[in-house]
Structures are given as C-alpha cells and as structure tokens.
Protein backbone atom coordinates (compact mmCIF):
# COMPACT_ATOMS: atom_id res chain seq x y z
CA MET A 1 -5.85 30.00 -29.17
CA GLY A 2 -9.37 29.83 -28.86
CA LEU A 3 -9.74 26.34 -30.82
CA ALA A 4 -7.32 25.27 -28.70
CA LEU A 5 -9.09 25.88 -25.68
CA ILE A 6 -12.24 24.38 -27.00
CA ALA A 7 -10.71 21.17 -27.61
CA VAL A 8 -8.85 21.01 -24.30
CA VAL A 9 -12.27 21.32 -22.48
CA ALA A 10 -14.08 19.03 -24.65
CA ILE A 11 -11.49 16.41 -24.09
CA ALA A 12 -11.32 16.92 -20.58
CA TRP A 13 -15.30 16.86 -20.16
CA TRP A 14 -15.01 13.11 -22.54
CA LEU A 15 -12.25 11.89 -19.74
CA HIS A 16 -14.35 13.33 -16.95
CA GLN A 17 -17.37 11.24 -18.63
CA LYS A 18 -15.45 8.11 -18.95
CA GLY A 19 -14.05 8.34 -15.28
CA GLN A 20 -10.36 8.92 -16.77
CA LEU A 21 -9.64 12.59 -16.17
CA LEU A 22 -8.61 12.72 -12.21
CA PRO A 23 -6.37 9.22 -12.17
CA ASN A 24 -4.55 10.64 -15.47
CA LEU A 25 -4.84 14.37 -15.16
CA LEU A 26 -0.68 14.49 -14.09
CA ARG A 27 -0.11 12.54 -17.08
CA TYR A 28 -2.05 14.49 -19.64
CA GLY A 29 -1.03 17.90 -17.90
CA GLY A 30 2.49 16.84 -18.60
CA LEU A 31 1.69 15.52 -21.95
CA ALA A 32 -0.05 19.17 -22.94
CA ALA A 33 2.37 21.24 -21.49
CA ALA A 34 5.23 19.66 -23.66
CA GLY A 35 3.09 19.53 -26.61
CA LEU A 36 2.82 23.64 -26.53
CA LEU A 37 5.97 23.92 -25.35
CA ALA A 38 7.32 22.07 -28.70
CA LEU A 39 4.76 23.91 -30.75
CA ARG A 40 6.41 27.45 -29.43
CA PHE A 41 9.75 26.05 -30.33
CA LEU A 42 8.46 25.30 -33.72
CA SER A 43 7.12 28.41 -34.02
CA THR A 44 10.36 30.08 -33.51
CA GLY A 45 12.33 28.19 -35.87
CA ARG A 46 14.00 25.82 -33.19
CA ILE A 47 13.62 22.45 -34.38
CA VAL A 48 16.07 21.23 -32.35
CA PRO A 49 14.73 22.20 -28.80
CA ALA A 50 11.11 21.37 -30.19
CA ALA A 51 12.28 17.91 -30.92
CA LEU A 52 14.03 17.44 -27.28
CA VAL A 53 10.96 18.67 -25.59
CA ALA A 54 8.13 16.49 -28.07
CA ALA A 55 10.46 13.15 -26.82
CA GLY A 56 10.71 14.71 -23.49
CA GLY A 57 6.54 14.25 -23.65
CA TRP A 58 6.30 11.04 -25.57
CA ALA A 59 8.45 10.00 -22.63
CA TRP A 60 6.58 11.25 -19.81
CA TRP A 61 3.75 9.98 -21.37
CA LEU A 62 5.11 6.13 -21.64
CA TRP A 63 6.74 6.65 -18.06
CA ASN A 64 3.30 7.44 -16.63
CA GLU A 65 1.32 4.66 -18.80
CA ARG A 66 1.68 2.18 -16.40
CA ASP A 67 -0.85 3.46 -13.72
CA GLY A 68 -3.52 4.41 -15.99
CA THR A 69 -5.00 0.82 -16.86
CA ALA A 70 -4.68 -0.28 -12.73
CA THR A 71 -6.29 2.71 -11.46
CA SER A 72 -9.01 2.37 -14.16
CA GLU A 73 -9.41 -1.42 -12.74
CA LEU A 74 -9.19 -0.53 -9.51
CA ALA A 75 -11.94 2.05 -9.65
CA GLN A 76 -14.08 -1.02 -11.53
CA ALA A 77 -13.46 -3.19 -9.00
CA ALA A 78 -14.17 -0.62 -6.16
CA GLN A 79 -17.33 0.43 -8.12
CA LEU A 80 -18.22 -3.41 -8.23
CA LEU A 81 -17.83 -3.79 -4.23
CA GLY A 82 -19.19 -0.70 -3.61
CA VAL A 83 -16.43 0.73 -1.71
CA ALA A 84 -13.63 3.34 -2.58
CA ALA A 85 -10.47 2.36 -4.39
CA ASN A 86 -7.73 3.53 -1.57
CA ALA A 87 -10.44 1.58 1.13
CA PRO A 88 -8.79 -0.82 3.87
CA SER A 89 -8.41 -4.56 3.78
CA GLU A 90 -11.23 -4.75 6.78
CA THR A 91 -13.60 -2.90 4.31
CA ILE A 92 -13.03 -4.78 1.25
CA TRP A 93 -13.52 -8.04 2.76
CA GLN A 94 -16.85 -6.68 4.56
CA ALA A 95 -18.23 -5.41 1.12
CA TRP A 96 -17.10 -8.70 -0.72
CA ARG A 97 -18.89 -11.00 2.07
CA GLN A 98 -21.68 -8.43 2.02
CA ALA A 99 -21.88 -8.79 -2.07
CA MET A 100 -21.56 -12.86 -1.82
CA THR A 101 -24.99 -13.37 0.44
CA SER A 102 -26.78 -12.66 -2.90
CA ALA A 103 -23.98 -13.34 -6.10
CA HIS A 104 -23.36 -16.68 -4.85
CA PRO A 105 -24.72 -19.43 -6.96
CA ASP A 106 -25.73 -21.15 -4.05
CA ALA A 107 -27.69 -18.16 -2.87
CA GLY A 108 -29.56 -17.90 -6.48
CA GLY A 109 -26.62 -16.04 -8.22
CA SER A 110 -24.27 -16.91 -10.82
CA ALA A 111 -20.68 -18.54 -11.00
CA GLU A 112 -19.72 -15.31 -13.22
CA ALA A 113 -20.97 -13.00 -10.64
CA ALA A 114 -19.05 -14.60 -7.83
CA GLN A 115 -15.79 -14.97 -9.63
CA ALA A 116 -16.20 -11.10 -10.59
CA LEU A 117 -16.41 -10.05 -6.89
CA THR A 118 -13.59 -12.55 -6.11
CA ALA A 119 -11.36 -11.00 -8.60
CA ALA A 120 -12.30 -7.23 -7.57
CA ARG A 121 -11.71 -8.19 -3.82
CA ASP A 122 -8.39 -9.72 -4.77
CA LEU A 123 -7.17 -6.65 -6.89
CA LEU A 124 -8.56 -4.30 -3.89
CA ILE A 125 -6.79 -6.01 -1.33
CA MET A 126 -3.49 -6.24 -3.29
CA ALA A 127 -3.67 -2.65 -3.90
CA ALA A 128 -4.61 -2.09 -0.34
CA GLU A 129 -1.29 -4.33 1.01
CA LYS A 130 0.79 -2.57 -1.75
CA HIS A 131 -0.02 1.18 -0.17
CA ARG A 132 0.14 -0.35 3.27
CA ARG A 133 3.62 -1.49 2.74
CA LYS A 134 4.36 1.95 1.06
CA THR A 135 2.96 4.21 4.44
CA PRO A 136 4.32 2.17 7.44
CA GLY A 137 4.23 4.96 9.60
CA GLU A 138 0.38 5.29 9.37
C-alpha cells in the first residue's frame, strides 16, 4: 500500500509539473477509483465484477479524454497571450493587440510569431464564446 501511495504522489507531482494535473484531476481520479475497486474485486476472487469495473474505468477515461487536449491547448494559448484561459473576449482581443505591436513582421517581429498569436487568439475567443453560450444568465 505504501508503494502505491508513493507512485500516486510521484505521478501527481509529474502531472503538476507538466500543468496537466488540475485540468485532468477528475479524469485521473475516476480512473484511479475504478482501478482500485477492480483490484479489490480481483483480490477477493470476483472476476466478473472486476472486469465490469475495469471496463467502466476505461470508458470513463475515454469519455473524459476529449477535454484533456483542448484544455492543454487553451492553457498554452492563454500563456502565449498572457491571459487566463477563461478570460472574456474583450481581454483576449486587448492582449492580442498588445502582443502584436512587437510580434508583427512590420514591427520587427516574425510571420510565425504573428501567426501563433493569431491562432491563440482565435482558439481563446472560440472557447470564450462557447462558454458565454453555455451560461447566458451571467
């Protein structure tokens, strides 16, 4: 049991260092709970419930997989523009304009930097609009 706890702490630290722990905490937590329950069933000789719980954990992992990549991309885009990942559209536009003053090729920057900033802006604006449509009362 002590080795399992050390392994969990080590994996949590590693994911935290990569910036992936908090966005995926529910995903990893659900998988860990299903895995521990399946191991408990296996240790008592109940193979069918263990297989069902393991299949449920795998389904949980796949179901929540969609958000992990999007969250990571949003975090990178937000870091590039220097805003929060859930920033409103106005803040994103303002940060993009500020960043483009030095990144634009006409201002001594590069086309790649300008394209990266524009892609980050578009991704964050799309996420902000999606969030705004989900919460119309706010």
